[in-house]
Amino acid sequence: MTSDNVRKMIRKFVSQRPRNTAEIANWLEGMSELANMQGDISGVLESDSSIVRIGTIRRSGISGREYPLSEWATEEWVAHHERAKPIKEE
């Protein structure tokens, strides 16, 4: 499967709600056609202009992972859930 197809599948997966890198990796491992996928998941996510890193997750017990544990979402999800900027009164 090409990296473009993988990106499209991941984009659809994170469009439902933000997912962290470990969730995405586990989801990919569970898919039979992607079970042998080798590569940098963060690199695939960063190379897609419609997927954005919205934060980093820090939990005990996850150190030593080969990829950073970041949270990812689509630009559409971020735009829809973005807080309105407060109006400053002077």
C-alpha atoms as a PDB file:
ATOM      1  CA  MET A   1       0.000   0.000   0.000  1.00  0.00           C
ATOM      2  CA  THR A   2       1.345   3.418  -0.908  1.00  0.00           C
ATOM      3  CA  SER A   3       2.052   6.104   1.658  1.00  0.00           C
ATOM      4  CA  ASP A   4      -0.654   8.273   0.040  1.00  0.00           C
ATOM      5  CA  ASN A   5      -3.251   5.586   0.721  1.00  0.00           C
ATOM      6  CA  VAL A   6      -1.999   5.190   4.288  1.00  0.00           C
ATOM      7  CA  ARG A   7      -2.240   8.968   4.778  1.00  0.00           C
ATOM      8  CA  LYS A   8      -5.822   8.985   3.484  1.00  0.00           C
ATOM      9  CA  MET A   9      -6.786   6.186   5.867  1.00  0.00           C
ATOM     10  CA  ILE A  10      -5.131   7.921   8.819  1.00  0.00           C
ATOM     11  CA  ARG A  11      -6.766  11.233   7.856  1.00  0.00           C
ATOM     12  CA  LYS A  12     -10.176   9.545   7.964  1.00  0.00           C
ATOM     13  CA  PHE A  13      -9.335   7.910  11.321  1.00  0.00           C
ATOM     14  CA  VAL A  14      -8.296  11.174  13.008  1.00  0.00           C
ATOM     15  CA  SER A  15     -11.156  13.168  11.461  1.00  0.00           C
ATOM     16  CA  GLN A  16     -13.559  11.504  13.916  1.00  0.00           C
ATOM     17  CA  ARG A  17     -11.657  12.841  16.940  1.00  0.00           C
ATOM     18  CA  PRO A  18      -8.031  13.587  17.834  1.00  0.00           C
ATOM     19  CA  ARG A  19      -5.833  10.509  18.295  1.00  0.00           C
ATOM     20  CA  ASN A  20      -2.400  10.095  19.784  1.00  0.00           C
ATOM     21  CA  THR A  21       0.501   8.465  17.989  1.00  0.00           C
ATOM     22  CA  ALA A  22       0.149   5.207  19.962  1.00  0.00           C
ATOM     23  CA  GLU A  23      -3.563   4.924  19.094  1.00  0.00           C
ATOM     24  CA  ILE A  24      -2.771   5.448  15.423  1.00  0.00           C
ATOM     25  CA  ALA A  25       0.060   2.885  15.533  1.00  0.00           C
ATOM     26  CA  ASN A  26      -2.168   0.293  17.236  1.00  0.00           C
ATOM     27  CA  TRP A  27      -4.951   0.939  14.753  1.00  0.00           C
ATOM     28  CA  LEU A  28      -2.548   0.497  11.828  1.00  0.00           C
ATOM     29  CA  GLU A  29      -1.141  -2.722  13.319  1.00  0.00           C
ATOM     30  CA  GLY A  30      -4.668  -4.109  13.596  1.00  0.00           C
ATOM     31  CA  MET A  31      -5.342  -3.654   9.896  1.00  0.00           C
ATOM     32  CA  SER A  32      -4.339  -6.743   7.918  1.00  0.00           C
ATOM     33  CA  GLU A  33      -3.241  -4.816   4.819  1.00  0.00           C
ATOM     34  CA  LEU A  34      -1.013  -2.572   6.943  1.00  0.00           C
ATOM     35  CA  ALA A  35       0.272  -5.145   9.443  1.00  0.00           C
ATOM     36  CA  ASN A  36       3.746  -5.142   7.884  1.00  0.00           C
ATOM     37  CA  MET A  37       3.984  -1.372   7.516  1.00  0.00           C
ATOM     38  CA  GLN A  38       7.381  -0.157   8.586  1.00  0.00           C
ATOM     39  CA  GLY A  39       8.231   3.482   8.883  1.00  0.00           C
ATOM     40  CA  ASP A  40       7.987   6.597  10.904  1.00  0.00           C
ATOM     41  CA  ILE A  41       4.355   7.233  11.776  1.00  0.00           C
ATOM     42  CA  SER A  42       5.117  10.790  12.890  1.00  0.00           C
ATOM     43  CA  GLY A  43       6.815  11.422   9.551  1.00  0.00           C
ATOM     44  CA  VAL A  44       3.743  10.230   7.666  1.00  0.00           C
ATOM     45  CA  LEU A  45       1.511  12.444   9.806  1.00  0.00           C
ATOM     46  CA  GLU A  46       3.772  15.493   9.523  1.00  0.00           C
ATOM     47  CA  SER A  47       3.965  15.156   5.751  1.00  0.00           C
ATOM     48  CA  ASP A  48       0.187  15.503   5.418  1.00  0.00           C
ATOM     49  CA  SER A  49      -0.773  19.171   5.292  1.00  0.00           C
ATOM     50  CA  SER A  50      -4.320  18.454   6.495  1.00  0.00           C
ATOM     51  CA  ILE A  51      -3.190  16.710   9.706  1.00  0.00           C
ATOM     52  CA  VAL A  52      -1.834  18.852  12.519  1.00  0.00           C
ATOM     53  CA  ARG A  53      -0.110  18.078  15.811  1.00  0.00           C
ATOM     54  CA  ILE A  54      -2.314  19.602  18.495  1.00  0.00           C
ATOM     55  CA  GLY A  55      -0.353  18.594  21.564  1.00  0.00           C
ATOM     56  CA  THR A  56       1.989  16.214  23.318  1.00  0.00           C
ATOM     57  CA  ILE A  57       0.843  13.608  25.804  1.00  0.00           C
ATOM     58  CA  ARG A  58       2.962  12.911  28.856  1.00  0.00           C
ATOM     59  CA  ARG A  59       2.041   9.826  30.863  1.00  0.00           C
ATOM     60  CA  SER A  60       4.138   7.553  33.019  1.00  0.00           C
ATOM     61  CA  GLY A  61       5.017   4.205  31.534  1.00  0.00           C
ATOM     62  CA  ILE A  62       5.329   5.328  27.934  1.00  0.00           C
ATOM     63  CA  SER A  63       8.962   6.330  27.877  1.00  0.00           C
ATOM     64  CA  GLY A  64      11.164   4.406  25.513  1.00  0.00           C
ATOM     65  CA  ARG A  65       8.712   4.569  22.626  1.00  0.00           C
ATOM     66  CA  GLU A  66      10.335   4.914  19.245  1.00  0.00           C
ATOM     67  CA  TYR A  67       7.986   7.730  18.258  1.00  0.00           C
ATOM     68  CA  PRO A  68       6.896  10.868  20.107  1.00  0.00           C
ATOM     69  CA  LEU A  69       3.479  10.514  21.712  1.00  0.00           C
ATOM     70  CA  SER A  70       1.700  13.463  20.173  1.00  0.00           C
ATOM     71  CA  GLU A  71      -1.971  14.120  19.628  1.00  0.00           C
ATOM     72  CA  TRP A  72      -3.105  14.605  16.035  1.00  0.00           C
ATOM     73  CA  ALA A  73      -6.248  15.988  14.397  1.00  0.00           C
ATOM     74  CA  THR A  74      -7.342  17.210  11.003  1.00  0.00           C
ATOM     75  CA  GLU A  75      -7.373  20.927  10.267  1.00  0.00           C
ATOM     76  CA  GLU A  76     -11.152  20.683   9.788  1.00  0.00           C
ATOM     77  CA  TRP A  77     -11.610  19.206  13.283  1.00  0.00           C
ATOM     78  CA  VAL A  78      -9.418  21.917  14.808  1.00  0.00           C
ATOM     79  CA  ALA A  79     -11.278  24.697  12.987  1.00  0.00           C
ATOM     80  CA  HIS A  80     -14.653  23.308  14.077  1.00  0.00           C
ATOM     81  CA  HIS A  81     -13.623  22.923  17.739  1.00  0.00           C
ATOM     82  CA  GLU A  82     -11.486  26.044  18.027  1.00  0.00           C
ATOM     83  CA  ARG A  83     -12.390  28.412  20.808  1.00  0.00           C
ATOM     84  CA  ALA A  84     -13.456  31.891  19.881  1.00  0.00           C
ATOM     85  CA  LYS A  85     -10.815  34.476  20.638  1.00  0.00           C
ATOM     86  CA  PRO A  86     -11.806  36.738  23.520  1.00  0.00           C
ATOM     87  CA  ILE A  87     -12.479  40.353  22.700  1.00  0.00           C
ATOM     88  CA  LYS A  88     -10.279  42.691  24.712  1.00  0.00           C
ATOM     89  CA  GLU A  89     -12.067  45.650  26.156  1.00  0.00           C
ATOM     90  CA  GLU A  90      -9.963  48.747  26.605  1.00  0.00           C
END
